[in-house]
Amino acid sequence: MKKNLMLATAGFIMAFGVHVQAQAMQWNTIRPGSTFRSFNLRVAAPEACRSACLNNRYCRSWTYVKPYTLYGARPRCLLKNAVPRPRYDRCCVSGVKPRRYRY
């Protein structure tokens, strides 16, 4: 049973690997520039920022800024209307909106 589940999961990842990677969070990554909306989050979770991007028609990428890094004690979400080049920075988690969610 366990082996069958592992094989099914591996098959799913192989079949949809590109799609899974497109939605992956980019840990320790900042995408500087192209910010059109910036706001504090109630929870310290990059998923909240990703969700805000998915629900905004103008958002193409996002950056979640961890608390006590660039913007003080509150976590912050930066929505972007383009896909700036990623840069390594431990302050942040970033992502790109998948094409199927673009309007």
C-alpha atoms as a PDB file:
ATOM      1  CA  MET A   1       0.000   0.000   0.000  1.00  0.00           C
ATOM      2  CA  LYS A   2       2.737   2.451   1.014  1.00  0.00           C
ATOM      3  CA  LYS A   3       4.794   1.585  -2.085  1.00  0.00           C
ATOM      4  CA  ASN A   4       1.770   2.143  -4.369  1.00  0.00           C
ATOM      5  CA  LEU A   5       1.134   5.541  -2.804  1.00  0.00           C
ATOM      6  CA  MET A   6       4.782   6.539  -3.294  1.00  0.00           C
ATOM      7  CA  LEU A   7       4.688   5.443  -6.937  1.00  0.00           C
ATOM      8  CA  ALA A   8       1.435   7.315  -7.560  1.00  0.00           C
ATOM      9  CA  THR A   9       2.887  10.459  -5.969  1.00  0.00           C
ATOM     10  CA  ALA A  10       6.080  10.156  -8.007  1.00  0.00           C
ATOM     11  CA  GLY A  11       4.015   9.713 -11.180  1.00  0.00           C
ATOM     12  CA  PHE A  12       1.941  12.792 -10.363  1.00  0.00           C
ATOM     13  CA  ILE A  13       5.057  14.880  -9.774  1.00  0.00           C
ATOM     14  CA  MET A  14       6.660  13.640 -12.975  1.00  0.00           C
ATOM     15  CA  ALA A  15       3.506  14.334 -14.993  1.00  0.00           C
ATOM     16  CA  PHE A  16       2.914  17.769 -13.496  1.00  0.00           C
ATOM     17  CA  GLY A  17       6.433  18.688 -12.374  1.00  0.00           C
ATOM     18  CA  VAL A  18       6.625  21.934 -14.316  1.00  0.00           C
ATOM     19  CA  HIS A  19       3.309  23.127 -12.892  1.00  0.00           C
ATOM     20  CA  VAL A  20       4.332  22.253  -9.333  1.00  0.00           C
ATOM     21  CA  GLN A  21       7.598  24.169  -9.731  1.00  0.00           C
ATOM     22  CA  ALA A  22       5.795  27.234 -11.129  1.00  0.00           C
ATOM     23  CA  GLN A  23       3.833  27.564  -7.885  1.00  0.00           C
ATOM     24  CA  ALA A  24       6.748  26.812  -5.566  1.00  0.00           C
ATOM     25  CA  MET A  25       7.757  29.409  -3.023  1.00  0.00           C
ATOM     26  CA  GLN A  26      11.222  30.812  -3.522  1.00  0.00           C
ATOM     27  CA  TRP A  27      12.684  30.861  -0.006  1.00  0.00           C
ATOM     28  CA  ASN A  28      15.446  33.381   0.804  1.00  0.00           C
ATOM     29  CA  THR A  29      14.618  35.314  -2.348  1.00  0.00           C
ATOM     30  CA  ILE A  30      13.625  38.909  -2.934  1.00  0.00           C
ATOM     31  CA  ARG A  31      12.355  40.326  -6.238  1.00  0.00           C
ATOM     32  CA  PRO A  32      13.199  44.046  -6.014  1.00  0.00           C
ATOM     33  CA  GLY A  33      11.177  46.571  -8.005  1.00  0.00           C
ATOM     34  CA  SER A  34       7.788  46.668  -9.772  1.00  0.00           C
ATOM     35  CA  THR A  35       5.824  46.902  -6.492  1.00  0.00           C
ATOM     36  CA  PHE A  36       2.357  48.349  -7.060  1.00  0.00           C
ATOM     37  CA  ARG A  37       0.861  47.474  -3.666  1.00  0.00           C
ATOM     38  CA  SER A  38       2.478  46.976  -0.270  1.00  0.00           C
ATOM     39  CA  PHE A  39       0.719  46.154   3.002  1.00  0.00           C
ATOM     40  CA  ASN A  40       1.237  44.607   6.449  1.00  0.00           C
ATOM     41  CA  LEU A  41      -0.061  41.084   7.071  1.00  0.00           C
ATOM     42  CA  ARG A  42      -1.917  39.911  10.172  1.00  0.00           C
ATOM     43  CA  VAL A  43      -0.096  36.575  10.141  1.00  0.00           C
ATOM     44  CA  ALA A  44       3.564  35.768   9.566  1.00  0.00           C
ATOM     45  CA  ALA A  45       2.936  33.381   6.666  1.00  0.00           C
ATOM     46  CA  PRO A  46       4.096  33.719   3.050  1.00  0.00           C
ATOM     47  CA  GLU A  47       0.953  31.818   1.982  1.00  0.00           C
ATOM     48  CA  ALA A  48      -1.099  34.921   2.847  1.00  0.00           C
ATOM     49  CA  CYS A  49       0.947  37.019   0.436  1.00  0.00           C
ATOM     50  CA  ARG A  50       0.745  34.382  -2.296  1.00  0.00           C
ATOM     51  CA  SER A  51      -3.029  34.243  -1.847  1.00  0.00           C
ATOM     52  CA  ALA A  52      -3.291  38.039  -2.114  1.00  0.00           C
ATOM     53  CA  CYS A  53      -1.401  37.887  -5.419  1.00  0.00           C
ATOM     54  CA  LEU A  54      -3.581  35.103  -6.789  1.00  0.00           C
ATOM     55  CA  ASN A  55      -6.675  37.175  -6.019  1.00  0.00           C
ATOM     56  CA  ASN A  56      -5.407  40.401  -7.610  1.00  0.00           C
ATOM     57  CA  ARG A  57      -5.785  40.750 -11.373  1.00  0.00           C
ATOM     58  CA  TYR A  58      -2.743  43.052 -11.724  1.00  0.00           C
ATOM     59  CA  CYS A  59      -0.332  40.917  -9.707  1.00  0.00           C
ATOM     60  CA  ARG A  60       2.291  38.928 -11.614  1.00  0.00           C
ATOM     61  CA  SER A  61       4.675  38.134  -8.722  1.00  0.00           C
ATOM     62  CA  TRP A  62       4.988  38.744  -4.988  1.00  0.00           C
ATOM     63  CA  THR A  63       7.468  39.049  -2.148  1.00  0.00           C
ATOM     64  CA  TYR A  64       6.747  38.269   1.486  1.00  0.00           C
ATOM     65  CA  VAL A  65       9.020  40.172   3.873  1.00  0.00           C
ATOM     66  CA  LYS A  66       9.640  38.379   7.164  1.00  0.00           C
ATOM     67  CA  PRO A  67       9.050  40.263  10.441  1.00  0.00           C
ATOM     68  CA  TYR A  68      12.006  42.090  12.013  1.00  0.00           C
ATOM     69  CA  THR A  69      13.899  42.357   8.722  1.00  0.00           C
ATOM     70  CA  LEU A  70      13.277  45.227   6.276  1.00  0.00           C
ATOM     71  CA  TYR A  71       9.986  46.751   7.487  1.00  0.00           C
ATOM     72  CA  GLY A  72      10.102  46.380  11.258  1.00  0.00           C
ATOM     73  CA  ALA A  73       8.152  44.005  13.468  1.00  0.00           C
ATOM     74  CA  ARG A  74       5.235  43.293  11.116  1.00  0.00           C
ATOM     75  CA  PRO A  75       5.333  40.881   8.183  1.00  0.00           C
ATOM     76  CA  ARG A  76       4.771  42.668   4.879  1.00  0.00           C
ATOM     77  CA  CYS A  77       3.485  41.674   1.457  1.00  0.00           C
ATOM     78  CA  LEU A  78       4.702  43.303  -1.762  1.00  0.00           C
ATOM     79  CA  LEU A  79       2.570  42.683  -4.850  1.00  0.00           C
ATOM     80  CA  LYS A  80       4.302  43.252  -8.188  1.00  0.00           C
ATOM     81  CA  ASN A  81       2.932  44.000 -11.648  1.00  0.00           C
ATOM     82  CA  ALA A  82       5.959  42.411 -13.342  1.00  0.00           C
ATOM     83  CA  VAL A  83       8.374  39.565 -12.638  1.00  0.00           C
ATOM     84  CA  PRO A  84      11.640  41.190 -11.495  1.00  0.00           C
ATOM     85  CA  ARG A  85      14.851  39.177 -11.379  1.00  0.00           C
ATOM     86  CA  PRO A  86      15.205  37.169  -8.169  1.00  0.00           C
ATOM     87  CA  ARG A  87      18.025  37.969  -5.764  1.00  0.00           C
ATOM     88  CA  TYR A  88      19.184  35.976  -2.737  1.00  0.00           C
ATOM     89  CA  ASP A  89      18.145  37.581   0.555  1.00  0.00           C
ATOM     90  CA  ARG A  90      17.214  35.807   3.788  1.00  0.00           C
ATOM     91  CA  CYS A  91      14.631  38.502   4.563  1.00  0.00           C
ATOM     92  CA  CYS A  92      12.093  37.282   2.100  1.00  0.00           C
ATOM     93  CA  VAL A  93      10.098  34.613   0.330  1.00  0.00           C
ATOM     94  CA  SER A  94       8.941  35.268  -3.234  1.00  0.00           C
ATOM     95  CA  GLY A  95       6.873  33.669  -5.949  1.00  0.00           C
ATOM     96  CA  VAL A  96       5.502  34.078  -9.453  1.00  0.00           C
ATOM     97  CA  LYS A  97       1.824  33.847 -10.294  1.00  0.00           C
ATOM     98  CA  PRO A  98       1.108  30.822 -12.514  1.00  0.00           C
ATOM     99  CA  ARG A  99      -0.248  31.615 -15.987  1.00  0.00           C
ATOM    100  CA  ARG A 100      -3.564  29.910 -15.294  1.00  0.00           C
ATOM    101  CA  TYR A 101      -4.327  32.536 -12.629  1.00  0.00           C
ATOM    102  CA  ARG A 102      -3.519  35.525 -14.852  1.00  0.00           C
ATOM    103  CA  TYR A 103      -6.539  37.406 -16.201  1.00  0.00           C
END
